[in-house]
Protein backbone atom coordinates (compact mmCIF):
# COMPACT_ATOMS: atom_id res chain seq x y z
CA UNK A 1 -9.00 3.46 -23.42
CA UNK A 2 -5.58 2.95 -24.89
CA UNK A 3 -3.34 5.88 -24.15
CA UNK A 4 0.42 5.97 -24.13
CA UNK A 5 2.66 6.57 -21.18
CA UNK A 6 5.95 8.43 -21.02
CA UNK A 7 7.51 7.63 -17.69
CA UNK A 8 10.74 9.61 -17.71
CA UNK A 9 13.26 7.73 -19.86
CA UNK A 10 16.95 8.18 -20.35
CA UNK A 11 18.26 8.30 -23.89
CA UNK A 12 21.97 8.09 -24.52
CA UNK A 13 23.17 9.30 -27.91
CA UNK A 14 26.57 8.32 -29.19
CA UNK A 15 28.51 8.78 -32.42
CA UNK A 16 29.37 5.39 -33.80
CA UNK A 17 31.82 4.71 -36.58
CA UNK A 18 32.14 1.36 -38.34
CA UNK A 19 30.54 -1.05 -40.71
CA UNK A 20 26.76 -0.97 -40.68
CA UNK A 21 26.47 -4.76 -40.66
CA UNK A 22 28.62 -4.91 -37.52
CA UNK A 23 26.46 -2.34 -35.82
CA UNK A 24 23.38 -4.45 -36.44
CA UNK A 25 24.77 -7.37 -34.44
CA UNK A 26 24.25 -7.96 -30.70
CA UNK A 27 27.08 -9.38 -28.62
CA UNK A 28 26.36 -13.06 -28.03
CA UNK A 29 26.25 -12.54 -24.25
CA UNK A 30 24.03 -9.45 -24.30
CA UNK A 31 20.73 -9.78 -22.39
CA UNK A 32 18.04 -8.04 -24.41
CA UNK A 33 14.28 -8.29 -24.35
CA UNK A 34 14.24 -10.90 -27.11
CA UNK A 35 16.42 -13.28 -25.07
CA UNK A 36 15.57 -12.42 -21.47
CA UNK A 37 12.57 -14.77 -21.30
CA UNK A 38 12.71 -18.02 -23.21
CA UNK A 39 11.08 -20.53 -20.87
CA UNK A 40 8.38 -20.71 -18.22
CA UNK A 41 11.10 -20.88 -15.58
CA UNK A 42 12.51 -17.61 -16.95
CA UNK A 43 9.05 -16.09 -16.55
CA UNK A 44 8.91 -17.33 -12.95
CA UNK A 45 12.20 -15.62 -12.17
CA UNK A 46 10.90 -12.47 -13.82
CA UNK A 47 7.73 -12.62 -11.75
CA UNK A 48 9.68 -13.03 -8.53
CA UNK A 49 11.79 -10.04 -9.43
CA UNK A 50 8.76 -7.93 -10.31
CA UNK A 51 7.03 -8.75 -7.02
CA UNK A 52 10.28 -7.94 -5.25
CA UNK A 53 10.15 -4.52 -6.90
CA UNK A 54 6.83 -3.77 -5.25
CA UNK A 55 7.55 -2.12 -1.91
CA UNK A 56 5.11 -0.82 0.70
CA UNK A 57 7.82 1.24 2.41
CA UNK A 58 6.79 4.58 0.92
CA UNK A 59 3.19 4.13 2.02
CA UNK A 60 4.03 2.82 5.50
CA UNK A 61 6.38 5.73 6.15
CA UNK A 62 4.16 8.43 4.69
CA UNK A 63 0.95 7.33 6.41
CA UNK A 64 2.58 7.36 9.83
CA UNK A 65 4.88 10.39 9.64
CA UNK A 66 2.63 12.79 7.71
CA UNK A 67 -0.31 12.21 10.06
CA UNK A 68 -0.78 12.01 13.84
CA UNK A 69 0.77 8.59 14.42
CA UNK A 70 4.37 9.80 14.67
CA UNK A 71 6.41 12.69 15.98
CA UNK A 72 9.94 14.07 16.09
CA UNK A 73 12.37 11.47 17.46
CA UNK A 74 14.85 12.13 20.23
CA UNK A 75 17.72 11.21 17.88
CA UNK A 76 16.49 13.18 14.88
CA UNK A 77 19.21 14.80 12.83
CA UNK A 78 17.02 16.15 10.06
CA UNK A 79 15.55 12.88 8.82
CA UNK A 80 11.97 12.94 7.45
CA UNK A 81 11.39 16.58 8.42
CA UNK A 82 9.65 17.45 5.15
CA UNK A 83 7.10 14.67 5.66
CA UNK A 84 6.70 15.46 9.36
CA UNK A 85 6.15 19.11 8.40
CA UNK A 86 3.51 18.01 5.88
CA UNK A 87 5.35 19.33 2.85
CA UNK A 88 4.02 17.83 -0.38
CA UNK A 89 5.11 19.20 -3.73
CA UNK A 90 5.69 18.01 -7.26
CA UNK A 91 9.45 17.90 -6.74
CA UNK A 92 9.39 14.77 -4.62
CA UNK A 93 6.71 15.17 -1.98
CA UNK A 94 5.04 11.99 -3.21
CA UNK A 95 8.02 9.98 -1.86
CA UNK A 96 8.64 8.62 -5.34
CA UNK A 97 5.46 6.55 -5.40
CA UNK A 98 4.55 7.51 -8.99
CA UNK A 99 7.81 6.28 -10.51
CA UNK A 100 8.08 3.32 -8.16
CA UNK A 101 4.66 1.95 -9.10
CA UNK A 102 4.85 2.68 -12.83
CA UNK A 103 8.40 1.34 -12.97
CA UNK A 104 7.38 -1.93 -11.35
CA UNK A 105 4.27 -2.05 -13.52
CA UNK A 106 6.57 -1.98 -16.53
CA UNK A 107 8.19 -5.17 -15.26
CA UNK A 108 4.81 -6.91 -15.09
CA UNK A 109 3.83 -5.65 -18.54
CA UNK A 110 7.08 -7.01 -19.97
CA UNK A 111 6.17 -10.37 -18.46
CA UNK A 112 2.88 -10.30 -20.35
CA UNK A 113 4.64 -9.43 -23.60
CA UNK A 114 7.21 -12.19 -23.16
CA UNK A 115 4.69 -14.79 -22.00
CA UNK A 116 2.83 -14.36 -25.27
CA UNK A 117 5.89 -15.74 -27.10
CA UNK A 118 6.27 -18.86 -24.89
CA UNK A 119 4.22 -22.02 -25.20
CA UNK A 120 4.18 -24.04 -21.96
CA UNK A 121 4.15 -27.80 -21.85
CA UNK A 122 1.17 -29.58 -20.33
CA UNK A 123 3.16 -30.03 -17.12
CA UNK A 124 3.97 -26.30 -17.03
CA UNK A 125 0.46 -25.01 -17.76
CA UNK A 126 -0.55 -24.37 -14.13
CA UNK A 127 2.72 -22.56 -13.43
CA UNK A 128 2.36 -20.51 -16.59
CA UNK A 129 -1.24 -19.59 -15.78
CA UNK A 130 -0.30 -18.64 -12.23
CA UNK A 131 2.45 -16.33 -13.47
CA UNK A 132 -0.10 -14.50 -15.59
CA UNK A 133 -2.59 -14.45 -12.70
CA UNK A 134 0.02 -12.87 -10.43
CA UNK A 135 0.85 -10.22 -13.03
CA UNK A 136 -2.83 -9.32 -13.45
CA UNK A 137 -3.41 -9.14 -9.68
CA UNK A 138 -0.38 -7.01 -8.91
CA UNK A 139 -1.04 -4.69 -11.83
CA UNK A 140 -4.51 -4.16 -10.40
CA UNK A 141 -3.12 -3.47 -6.93
CA UNK A 142 -0.64 -0.89 -8.20
CA UNK A 143 -3.22 0.93 -10.30
CA UNK A 144 -5.52 1.01 -7.28
CA UNK A 145 -2.81 2.55 -5.10
CA UNK A 146 -1.95 5.14 -7.74
CA UNK A 147 -5.63 6.02 -8.09
CA UNK A 148 -6.02 6.25 -4.32
CA UNK A 149 -3.20 8.78 -3.95
CA UNK A 150 -3.14 10.67 -7.27
CA UNK A 151 -6.76 10.38 -8.43
CA UNK A 152 -8.98 13.39 -7.92
CA UNK A 153 -12.07 11.66 -6.49
CA UNK A 154 -12.47 7.91 -5.93
CA UNK A 155 -16.25 8.28 -5.63
CA UNK A 156 -16.75 10.10 -8.96
CA UNK A 157 -16.27 7.87 -12.04
CA UNK A 158 -15.98 10.92 -14.30
CA UNK A 159 -13.18 12.56 -12.28
CA UNK A 160 -9.54 12.56 -13.34
CA UNK A 161 -7.84 9.33 -12.39
CA UNK A 162 -4.37 8.15 -13.42
CA UNK A 163 -2.96 6.68 -16.63
CA UNK A 164 -3.90 3.02 -16.94
CA UNK A 165 -0.89 1.20 -18.40
CA UNK A 166 -1.12 -2.33 -19.78
CA UNK A 167 1.66 -2.12 -22.37
CA UNK A 168 5.35 -1.32 -22.72
CA UNK A 169 6.40 1.94 -24.38
CA UNK A 170 9.35 4.26 -24.03
CA UNK A 171 7.76 7.10 -25.98
CA UNK A 172 4.11 7.19 -24.94
CA UNK A 173 2.56 10.39 -23.56
CA UNK A 174 -0.80 9.67 -21.91
CA UNK A 175 -3.17 11.84 -20.00
CA UNK A 176 -5.24 10.77 -17.05
CA UNK A 177 -7.85 8.11 -17.67
CA UNK A 178 -11.05 8.80 -15.79
CA UNK A 179 -11.53 7.19 -12.40
CA UNK A 180 -14.25 5.01 -13.88
CA UNK A 181 -12.01 3.83 -16.72
CA UNK A 182 -9.23 2.91 -14.31
CA UNK A 183 -11.62 1.03 -12.01
CA UNK A 184 -13.06 -0.86 -14.98
CA UNK A 185 -9.56 -1.90 -16.06
CA UNK A 186 -8.63 -2.88 -12.50
CA UNK A 187 -11.68 -5.12 -12.28
CA UNK A 188 -10.83 -6.66 -15.65
CA UNK A 189 -7.36 -7.50 -14.33
CA UNK A 190 -8.86 -9.04 -11.20
CA UNK A 191 -11.33 -11.08 -13.26
CA UNK A 192 -8.46 -12.32 -15.42
CA UNK A 193 -6.46 -13.29 -12.34
CA UNK A 194 -9.36 -15.29 -10.94
CA UNK A 195 -9.74 -17.14 -14.22
CA UNK A 196 -6.06 -18.09 -14.26
CA UNK A 197 -5.23 -19.10 -10.68
CA UNK A 198 -4.59 -22.86 -10.48
CA UNK A 199 -7.22 -24.72 -8.48
CA UNK A 200 -6.59 -24.46 -4.74
CA UNK A 201 -3.72 -21.95 -4.99
CA UNK A 202 -3.32 -20.42 -1.52
CA UNK A 203 0.31 -19.32 -1.00
CA UNK A 204 -0.02 -16.09 1.01
CA UNK A 205 3.38 -14.91 -0.23
CA UNK A 206 1.70 -14.37 -3.60
CA UNK A 207 -1.63 -13.13 -4.87
CA UNK A 208 -4.49 -15.62 -4.39
CA UNK A 209 -8.25 -15.59 -5.02
CA UNK A 210 -8.66 -14.19 -1.48
CA UNK A 211 -6.15 -11.44 -2.36
CA UNK A 212 -8.52 -10.46 -5.18
CA UNK A 213 -11.57 -10.50 -2.91
CA UNK A 214 -9.76 -8.43 -0.26
CA UNK A 215 -8.63 -5.83 -2.79
CA UNK A 216 -12.18 -5.60 -4.08
CA UNK A 217 -13.40 -4.95 -0.52
CA UNK A 218 -10.96 -2.03 -0.23
CA UNK A 219 -11.97 -0.65 -3.61
CA UNK A 220 -15.68 -0.91 -2.78
CA UNK A 221 -15.19 0.99 0.49
CA UNK A 222 -13.18 3.76 -1.18
CA UNK A 223 -15.67 4.17 -4.02
CA UNK A 224 -18.76 4.27 -1.79
CA UNK A 225 -20.06 0.83 -2.76
CA UNK A 226 -21.14 -0.17 0.74
CA UNK A 227 -23.02 -3.27 -0.38
CA UNK A 228 -19.98 -4.53 -2.25
CA UNK A 229 -17.67 -3.75 0.67
CA UNK A 230 -19.91 -5.72 3.04
CA UNK A 231 -20.11 -8.70 0.67
CA UNK A 232 -16.41 -8.91 -0.13
CA UNK A 233 -15.37 -8.39 3.50
CA UNK A 234 -17.82 -11.04 4.68
CA UNK A 235 -16.29 -13.53 2.25
CA UNK A 236 -12.86 -12.92 3.79
CA UNK A 237 -14.15 -13.00 7.37
CA UNK A 238 -15.77 -16.37 6.69
CA UNK A 239 -12.39 -17.88 5.75
CA UNK A 240 -9.99 -16.46 8.36
CA UNK A 241 -10.04 -16.33 12.18
CA UNK A 242 -8.80 -13.33 14.14
CA UNK A 243 -5.47 -13.92 15.86
CA UNK A 244 -5.42 -14.47 19.60
CA UNK A 245 -3.16 -12.14 21.62
CA UNK A 246 -0.35 -14.71 21.52
CA UNK A 247 -0.78 -15.27 17.80
CA UNK A 248 -0.92 -11.53 17.20
CA UNK A 249 2.35 -11.00 19.05
CA UNK A 250 4.02 -13.85 17.18
CA UNK A 251 2.74 -12.52 13.86
CA UNK A 252 4.78 -9.34 14.23
CA UNK A 253 7.62 -10.80 16.29
CA UNK A 254 9.86 -12.95 14.06
CA UNK A 255 6.93 -13.57 11.66
CA UNK A 256 6.10 -16.69 13.66
CA UNK A 257 2.35 -16.76 12.98
CA UNK A 258 0.14 -16.05 9.97
CA UNK A 259 -3.29 -17.02 11.31
CA UNK A 260 -5.13 -13.95 10.03
CA UNK A 261 -2.92 -13.03 7.08
CA UNK A 262 -4.40 -13.02 3.58
CA UNK A 263 -1.28 -11.66 1.85
CA UNK A 264 2.17 -10.80 3.10
CA UNK A 265 5.16 -9.31 1.34
CA UNK A 266 7.84 -11.94 1.94
CA UNK A 267 10.94 -10.05 3.01
CA UNK A 268 14.10 -12.16 2.93
CA UNK A 269 17.86 -11.69 3.26
CA UNK A 270 19.03 -9.88 0.17
CA UNK A 271 15.54 -8.56 -0.60
CA UNK A 272 14.81 -6.80 2.64
CA UNK A 273 12.29 -4.05 3.24
CA UNK A 274 13.88 -3.00 6.53
CA UNK A 275 10.64 -1.41 7.72
CA UNK A 276 12.11 -0.79 11.17
CA UNK A 277 14.61 1.59 9.63
CA UNK A 278 11.76 3.77 8.38
CA UNK A 279 11.83 5.35 11.85
CA UNK A 280 14.81 3.96 13.73
CA UNK A 281 18.55 3.79 13.49
CA UNK A 282 20.07 0.37 14.20
CA UNK A 283 20.27 0.14 17.94
CA UNK A 284 17.41 1.14 18.21
CA UNK A 285 17.57 4.90 18.04
CA UNK A 286 14.48 6.78 16.88
CA UNK A 287 14.69 9.73 14.52
CA UNK A 288 10.91 9.43 14.27
CA UNK A 289 8.92 8.19 17.29
CA UNK A 290 5.40 7.03 17.87
CA UNK A 291 3.31 10.05 18.75
CA UNK A 292 2.66 10.46 22.46
CA UNK A 293 -1.04 10.73 21.69
CA UNK A 294 -1.12 7.33 19.98
CA UNK A 295 0.91 5.74 22.78
CA UNK A 296 -1.55 7.07 25.35
CA UNK A 297 -4.45 5.52 23.42
CA UNK A 298 -2.98 2.02 23.85
CA UNK A 299 -3.82 0.68 27.32
CA UNK A 300 -1.56 -1.89 29.04
CA UNK A 301 -4.29 -4.51 28.62
CA UNK A 302 -4.12 -4.20 24.82
CA UNK A 303 -1.67 -6.55 23.07
CA UNK A 304 -1.20 -3.87 20.42
CA UNK A 305 0.66 -1.76 22.97
CA UNK A 306 3.18 -4.57 23.46
CA UNK A 307 3.58 -5.02 19.69
CA UNK A 308 3.74 -1.35 18.67
CA UNK A 309 5.92 0.07 21.45
CA UNK A 310 9.51 -1.16 21.53
CA UNK A 311 10.57 -2.32 25.03
CA UNK A 312 13.55 0.06 24.82
CA UNK A 313 11.12 2.98 25.04
CA UNK A 314 11.12 5.25 28.10
CA UNK A 315 7.52 6.38 28.65
CA UNK A 316 8.54 8.50 31.62
CA UNK A 317 10.41 10.69 29.13
CA UNK A 318 7.64 10.47 26.50
CA UNK A 319 9.96 8.50 24.23
CA UNK A 320 8.05 5.78 22.40
CA UNK A 321 10.10 3.78 19.91
CA UNK A 322 8.06 2.16 17.15
CA UNK A 323 8.47 -1.59 17.58
CA UNK A 324 5.97 -3.21 15.22
CA UNK A 325 8.78 -4.43 12.97
CA UNK A 326 11.44 -5.40 15.52
CA UNK A 327 15.14 -5.86 14.94
CA UNK A 328 15.67 -9.53 14.13
CA UNK A 329 17.60 -11.78 11.75
CA UNK A 330 21.09 -10.57 12.63
CA UNK A 331 19.86 -6.98 13.25
CA UNK A 332 18.69 -6.67 9.64
CA UNK A 333 15.03 -6.09 10.61
CA UNK A 334 13.84 -8.63 8.08
CA UNK A 335 10.11 -8.60 8.70
CA UNK A 336 7.38 -9.76 6.38
CA UNK A 337 4.88 -7.00 5.71
CA UNK A 338 1.39 -8.22 6.59
CA UNK A 339 -0.33 -6.32 3.79
CA UNK A 340 -3.81 -7.86 4.11
CA UNK A 341 -5.24 -9.11 7.42
CA UNK A 342 -8.73 -10.26 8.35
CA UNK A 343 -9.00 -7.65 11.10
CA UNK A 344 -9.03 -4.98 8.38
CA UNK A 345 -11.88 -6.86 6.68
CA UNK A 346 -13.92 -6.58 9.91
CA UNK A 347 -13.30 -2.84 10.01
CA UNK A 348 -14.10 -2.43 6.31
CA UNK A 349 -17.42 -4.16 6.91
CA UNK A 350 -18.05 -2.12 10.06
CA UNK A 351 -17.54 1.14 8.19
CA UNK A 352 -19.77 0.10 5.29
CA UNK A 353 -22.48 -1.03 7.72
CA UNK A 354 -22.25 2.23 9.66
CA UNK A 355 -22.52 4.31 6.50
CA UNK A 356 -25.78 2.45 5.87
CA UNK A 357 -26.98 3.17 9.44
CA UNK A 358 -26.71 -0.49 10.46
CA UNK A 359 -25.20 0.51 13.79
CA UNK A 360 -25.66 -2.70 15.78
CA UNK A 361 -23.81 -4.97 13.31
CA UNK A 362 -21.16 -2.26 12.83
CA UNK A 363 -20.54 -2.15 16.58
CA UNK A 364 -20.33 -5.94 16.68
CA UNK A 365 -17.57 -5.94 14.05
CA UNK A 366 -15.57 -3.29 15.86
CA UNK A 367 -15.98 -5.16 19.13
CA UNK A 368 -14.82 -8.41 17.52
CA UNK A 369 -11.45 -6.81 16.79
CA UNK A 370 -11.23 -4.63 19.90
CA UNK A 371 -12.11 -7.38 22.37
CA UNK A 372 -9.66 -9.96 21.04
CA UNK A 373 -6.84 -7.40 21.28
CA UNK A 374 -7.94 -6.02 24.68
CA UNK A 375 -9.82 -8.22 27.14
CA UNK A 376 -11.08 -5.13 28.96
CA UNK A 377 -12.89 -3.76 25.89
CA UNK A 378 -16.59 -2.83 26.08
CA UNK A 379 -19.14 -3.20 23.26
CA UNK A 380 -19.61 0.27 21.70
CA UNK A 381 -22.97 1.86 20.92
CA UNK A 382 -23.52 4.14 17.94
CA UNK A 383 -26.42 6.63 17.87
CA UNK A 384 -25.53 8.12 14.45
CA UNK A 385 -23.20 7.82 11.46
CA UNK A 386 -20.78 10.48 12.68
CA UNK A 387 -20.16 8.84 16.04
CA UNK A 388 -19.91 5.41 14.45
CA UNK A 389 -17.31 6.52 11.91
CA UNK A 390 -15.38 8.40 14.60
CA UNK A 391 -15.06 5.20 16.63
CA UNK A 392 -14.26 3.04 13.60
CA UNK A 393 -11.55 5.49 12.53
CA UNK A 394 -10.13 5.33 16.06
CA UNK A 395 -10.09 1.53 15.96
CA UNK A 396 -8.43 1.47 12.55
CA UNK A 397 -5.79 3.81 13.96
CA UNK A 398 -4.89 1.29 16.66
CA UNK A 399 -5.29 -1.90 14.67
CA UNK A 400 -3.55 -0.77 11.47
CA UNK A 401 -0.93 1.56 12.98
CA UNK A 402 2.26 1.70 10.88
CA UNK A 403 0.71 -0.45 8.15
CA UNK A 404 0.07 2.30 5.60
CA UNK A 405 -3.56 3.36 6.18
CA UNK A 406 -3.84 6.40 8.47
CA UNK A 407 -3.61 9.14 5.80
CA UNK A 408 -6.05 7.46 3.41
CA UNK A 409 -8.44 6.65 6.28
CA UNK A 410 -8.62 10.30 7.31
CA UNK A 411 -8.92 11.32 3.65
CA UNK A 412 -11.87 8.97 3.12
CA UNK A 413 -13.80 10.06 6.23
CA UNK A 414 -12.97 13.77 6.34
CA UNK A 415 -16.08 14.91 4.46
CA UNK A 416 -18.36 13.13 6.95
CA UNK A 417 -16.42 13.96 10.12
CA UNK A 418 -15.50 17.50 8.99
CA UNK A 419 -11.97 17.00 10.20
CA UNK A 420 -8.55 16.70 8.62
CA UNK A 421 -5.36 15.74 10.44
CA UNK A 422 -5.26 16.89 14.06
CA UNK A 423 -2.10 16.33 16.10
CA UNK A 424 -1.99 16.54 19.87
CA UNK A 425 -0.18 19.52 21.41
CA UNK A 426 2.24 16.91 22.79
CA UNK A 427 3.38 16.07 19.26
CA UNK A 428 3.45 19.39 17.38
CA UNK A 429 4.46 23.01 17.67
CA UNK A 430 7.08 25.27 16.17
CA UNK A 431 7.81 24.16 12.61
CA UNK A 432 5.74 20.99 13.07
CA UNK A 433 2.10 21.70 12.10
CA UNK A 434 -0.64 20.76 14.53
CA UNK A 435 -3.37 20.38 11.92
CA UNK A 436 -4.13 19.97 8.24
CA UNK A 437 -7.45 21.27 6.99
CA UNK A 438 -9.91 18.76 5.61
CA UNK A 439 -10.01 20.85 2.43
CA UNK A 440 -6.26 20.85 1.89
CA UNK A 441 -4.98 20.03 -1.58
CA UNK A 442 -2.46 17.78 0.21
CA UNK A 443 -5.04 15.01 0.40
CA UNK A 444 -4.20 14.38 -3.26
CA UNK A 445 -0.63 13.71 -4.41
CA UNK A 446 0.79 15.90 -7.19
CA UNK A 447 2.09 14.38 -10.39
CA UNK A 448 5.91 14.66 -10.15
CA UNK A 449 7.70 17.46 -11.96
CA UNK A 450 9.87 15.00 -13.87
CA UNK A 451 6.76 13.41 -15.36
CA UNK A 452 5.25 16.79 -16.20
CA UNK A 453 8.45 17.77 -18.01
CA UNK A 454 8.56 14.51 -20.00
CA UNK A 455 4.87 14.31 -20.86
CA UNK A 456 3.21 17.40 -22.38
CA UNK A 457 -0.24 15.77 -22.24
CA UNK A 458 -0.33 15.12 -18.52
CA UNK A 459 1.48 18.39 -17.84
CA UNK A 460 -1.89 20.13 -18.32
CA UNK A 461 -3.59 17.80 -15.84
CA UNK A 462 -1.78 18.48 -12.56
CA UNK A 463 -3.84 18.06 -9.42
CA UNK A 464 -5.53 21.27 -8.20
CA UNK A 465 -3.46 23.38 -5.82
CA UNK A 466 -0.04 22.45 -7.16
């Protein structure tokens, strides 16, 4: 499977004059790869930096603005119009996800290379093993996300996937691995992580054994492994309660509760995602608003309305400010990103059950989430797969709004529901498209032009339609 990657590199050539032996020497204070990591504590700092380089911002923004969850804001001055207008091209329409993920992956791969040169003491062994476990788990997550957006078909192991990269190289030029090859490598990384986690490790600011199980539930759902999705999701559901309305509010307001969180991206002063500023100016002032359609789907009895709609909104004017990540911490909007929550596990299991025509248990899972968020909810009834998936998609829209799922949810279900992206007339018109066909090439991201120019192998493997 070993292929070589050429993520666009910068080479600076200079004419140097002087003694050759002088040129062979490094300044004593120069930080180079040979001296960057010398101890386990150095590796820990490198791990923290690598995790800090992983950001969900691109996916959170894209999944809301490109779809039907957001619309043009009252204070828009040209921000995010390409995404709102559903423009995807190889010149940047992927929001930089390709280079962001492969760049961060390089940091994790350098950790592996450096760790191989360091021998921990007995007292450091658990820390050392955990560093490697984290690197394996996050490398798996990033490959999964790349495959989800750039791969040609998650359900076909022989289809074109993405380059799987488990090494450091400035000159490599790989082509796509197959989807099956990438999934095999992802699972190998997850197996390695499980073998390395220290006993009882459960810090939700990092990868954990439950992180691995949760990621496997997502992968199983996307690849059509309904039995696996049900099993992995059930394992998570068995370990985590759903948040009560008060706990749910506190979870998103000042990060004061983590009852149902399996993994969160720990955003802190100086390493701040600023998710609120994906849509709002400081103030708030929305250049992108919640779509009127989505706002109308959230009844007053549903705690998700309180969490998702900023109190500064003016519904009478159809202005709904996205409030899921409120201004806090000295107006810096420092909010942890709740990347994995047990409510999603319920909805993963519900979808897998429904695809297997187990409609009663699927309805029970949807109702478990719906009823704890909205006391007025009624148990749904599903007569067929299409109606079940329609309702599950609707519940995922409410429960996971502005958490980076809407686009991929529609993509996954479009072949069954025969529907792409459909915006309400209240949220589209003019230059803003009202629909995107289920057959659109835009349900796969293009490989960026910069990568195509740097890598002649992958240049011949662009996604269809670009």
